[in-house]
N, C-alpha and C. Protein backbone atom coordinates (compact mmCIF):
# COMPACT_ATOMS: atom_id res chain seq x y z
N UNK A 1 2.95 5.20 17.25
CA UNK A 1 2.80 5.55 15.86
C UNK A 1 2.81 4.27 15.03
N UNK A 2 1.82 4.15 14.15
CA UNK A 2 1.69 2.98 13.30
C UNK A 2 2.68 3.07 12.14
N UNK A 3 3.48 2.04 11.98
CA UNK A 3 4.39 1.91 10.84
C UNK A 3 4.20 0.51 10.28
N UNK A 4 3.92 0.42 8.97
CA UNK A 4 3.76 -0.88 8.35
C UNK A 4 4.12 -0.80 6.87
N UNK A 5 4.27 -1.97 6.26
CA UNK A 5 4.64 -2.04 4.85
C UNK A 5 3.52 -2.69 4.06
N UNK A 6 3.38 -2.26 2.82
CA UNK A 6 2.35 -2.76 1.92
C UNK A 6 2.97 -3.06 0.57
N UNK A 7 2.26 -3.86 -0.21
CA UNK A 7 2.59 -4.06 -1.61
C UNK A 7 1.33 -3.73 -2.41
N UNK A 8 1.51 -3.05 -3.52
CA UNK A 8 0.39 -2.68 -4.38
C UNK A 8 0.01 -3.93 -5.17
N UNK A 9 -1.16 -4.47 -4.87
CA UNK A 9 -1.63 -5.68 -5.55
C UNK A 9 -2.30 -5.36 -6.87
N UNK A 10 -3.10 -4.29 -6.89
CA UNK A 10 -3.89 -3.99 -8.07
C UNK A 10 -4.18 -2.50 -8.11
N UNK A 11 -4.13 -1.92 -9.30
CA UNK A 11 -4.52 -0.54 -9.50
C UNK A 11 -5.79 -0.56 -10.34
N UNK A 12 -6.81 0.10 -9.82
CA UNK A 12 -8.11 0.11 -10.49
C UNK A 12 -8.64 1.53 -10.52
N UNK A 13 -8.33 2.24 -11.60
CA UNK A 13 -8.79 3.63 -11.74
C UNK A 13 -8.15 4.54 -10.71
N UNK A 14 -8.97 5.16 -9.89
CA UNK A 14 -8.48 6.11 -8.88
C UNK A 14 -8.12 5.44 -7.56
N UNK A 15 -8.15 4.12 -7.51
CA UNK A 15 -7.88 3.39 -6.28
C UNK A 15 -6.82 2.32 -6.48
N UNK A 16 -6.15 1.97 -5.40
CA UNK A 16 -5.17 0.88 -5.41
C UNK A 16 -5.50 -0.06 -4.26
N UNK A 17 -5.34 -1.34 -4.53
CA UNK A 17 -5.54 -2.34 -3.49
C UNK A 17 -4.17 -2.67 -2.89
N UNK A 18 -4.04 -2.46 -1.59
CA UNK A 18 -2.77 -2.68 -0.90
C UNK A 18 -2.90 -3.88 0.03
N UNK A 19 -1.89 -4.74 0.03
CA UNK A 19 -1.84 -5.87 0.96
C UNK A 19 -0.68 -5.63 1.92
N UNK A 20 -0.97 -5.76 3.18
CA UNK A 20 0.05 -5.57 4.20
C UNK A 20 1.03 -6.73 4.18
N UNK A 21 2.33 -6.44 4.12
CA UNK A 21 3.34 -7.50 4.03
C UNK A 21 3.88 -7.92 5.39
N UNK A 22 3.67 -7.11 6.40
CA UNK A 22 4.16 -7.47 7.73
C UNK A 22 3.05 -8.08 8.59
N UNK A 23 1.94 -8.43 7.97
CA UNK A 23 0.81 -9.04 8.66
C UNK A 23 1.04 -10.54 8.79
N UNK A 24 0.72 -11.10 9.93
CA UNK A 24 0.91 -12.53 10.14
C UNK A 24 -0.26 -13.36 9.63
N UNK A 25 -1.43 -12.74 9.45
CA UNK A 25 -2.61 -13.45 8.98
C UNK A 25 -2.64 -13.48 7.46
N UNK A 26 -2.45 -14.64 6.83
CA UNK A 26 -2.43 -14.71 5.37
C UNK A 26 -3.80 -14.46 4.75
N UNK A 27 -4.87 -14.53 5.53
CA UNK A 27 -6.22 -14.31 5.03
C UNK A 27 -6.71 -12.88 5.22
N UNK A 28 -5.83 -11.99 5.63
CA UNK A 28 -6.21 -10.60 5.84
C UNK A 28 -6.63 -9.97 4.51
N UNK A 29 -7.66 -9.14 4.55
CA UNK A 29 -8.17 -8.52 3.33
C UNK A 29 -7.26 -7.39 2.87
N UNK A 30 -7.27 -7.15 1.56
CA UNK A 30 -6.52 -6.04 0.99
C UNK A 30 -7.24 -4.73 1.37
N UNK A 31 -6.49 -3.65 1.39
CA UNK A 31 -7.00 -2.35 1.78
C UNK A 31 -7.11 -1.47 0.53
N UNK A 32 -8.28 -0.86 0.32
CA UNK A 32 -8.47 0.03 -0.82
C UNK A 32 -8.09 1.45 -0.40
N UNK A 33 -7.17 2.06 -1.17
CA UNK A 33 -6.68 3.40 -0.86
C UNK A 33 -6.77 4.26 -2.12
N UNK A 34 -7.21 5.49 -1.95
CA UNK A 34 -7.27 6.42 -3.08
C UNK A 34 -5.86 6.71 -3.58
N UNK A 35 -5.69 6.69 -4.89
CA UNK A 35 -4.36 6.93 -5.47
C UNK A 35 -3.85 8.32 -5.17
N UNK A 36 -4.73 9.26 -4.88
CA UNK A 36 -4.31 10.62 -4.54
C UNK A 36 -3.48 10.64 -3.25
N UNK A 37 -3.63 9.62 -2.41
CA UNK A 37 -2.87 9.54 -1.16
C UNK A 37 -1.53 8.82 -1.32
N UNK A 38 -1.31 8.24 -2.50
CA UNK A 38 -0.11 7.44 -2.75
C UNK A 38 0.86 8.19 -3.65
N UNK A 39 2.14 7.81 -3.63
CA UNK A 39 3.09 8.43 -4.57
C UNK A 39 2.62 8.20 -6.01
N UNK A 40 2.74 9.20 -6.89
CA UNK A 40 2.21 9.09 -8.26
C UNK A 40 2.91 8.03 -9.11
N UNK A 41 4.13 7.65 -8.77
CA UNK A 41 4.88 6.71 -9.61
C UNK A 41 4.68 5.25 -9.23
N UNK A 42 3.64 4.91 -8.46
CA UNK A 42 3.43 3.51 -8.09
C UNK A 42 2.95 2.69 -9.28
N UNK A 43 3.26 1.41 -9.23
CA UNK A 43 2.79 0.40 -10.18
C UNK A 43 2.40 -0.83 -9.38
N UNK A 44 1.75 -1.77 -10.02
CA UNK A 44 1.46 -3.03 -9.33
C UNK A 44 2.78 -3.69 -8.97
N UNK A 45 2.90 -4.13 -7.73
CA UNK A 45 4.13 -4.75 -7.24
C UNK A 45 5.02 -3.78 -6.47
N UNK A 46 4.71 -2.50 -6.48
CA UNK A 46 5.50 -1.51 -5.74
C UNK A 46 5.34 -1.74 -4.24
N UNK A 47 6.44 -1.67 -3.50
CA UNK A 47 6.40 -1.80 -2.05
C UNK A 47 6.33 -0.41 -1.43
N UNK A 48 5.46 -0.27 -0.43
CA UNK A 48 5.23 1.02 0.21
C UNK A 48 5.44 0.93 1.71
N UNK A 49 5.90 2.03 2.27
CA UNK A 49 6.02 2.18 3.72
C UNK A 49 4.99 3.20 4.16
N UNK A 50 4.18 2.85 5.15
CA UNK A 50 3.21 3.78 5.73
C UNK A 50 3.74 4.22 7.08
N UNK A 51 3.99 5.51 7.20
CA UNK A 51 4.58 6.05 8.43
C UNK A 51 4.20 7.52 8.53
N UNK A 52 3.81 7.97 9.70
CA UNK A 52 3.43 9.37 9.94
C UNK A 52 2.33 9.82 8.98
N UNK A 53 1.34 8.94 8.77
CA UNK A 53 0.17 9.22 7.94
C UNK A 53 0.50 9.47 6.47
N UNK A 54 1.66 8.97 6.00
CA UNK A 54 2.07 9.12 4.61
C UNK A 54 2.60 7.80 4.07
N UNK A 55 2.41 7.62 2.76
CA UNK A 55 2.96 6.46 2.06
C UNK A 55 4.19 6.89 1.28
N UNK A 56 5.23 6.07 1.33
CA UNK A 56 6.42 6.33 0.53
C UNK A 56 6.90 5.01 -0.06
N UNK A 57 7.60 5.10 -1.18
CA UNK A 57 8.07 3.90 -1.88
C UNK A 57 9.33 3.37 -1.21
N UNK A 58 9.35 2.06 -1.02
CA UNK A 58 10.54 1.37 -0.49
C UNK A 58 11.33 0.87 -1.69
N UNK A 59 12.57 1.24 -1.80
CA UNK A 59 13.42 0.82 -2.92
C UNK A 59 14.02 -0.54 -2.66
């Protein structure tokens, strides 16, 4: 099961750009995700956990 952490880099309309924080490659591209799949209370800088096909906020 894939488990990883992201940070919300940018929110652009109905999409958010997520950067993986546990990635070793600093040149890895950001991932575009529909905001409908993310918790509604996200902001730029919010840390997220992706686990069991769901995103949740890391406090």
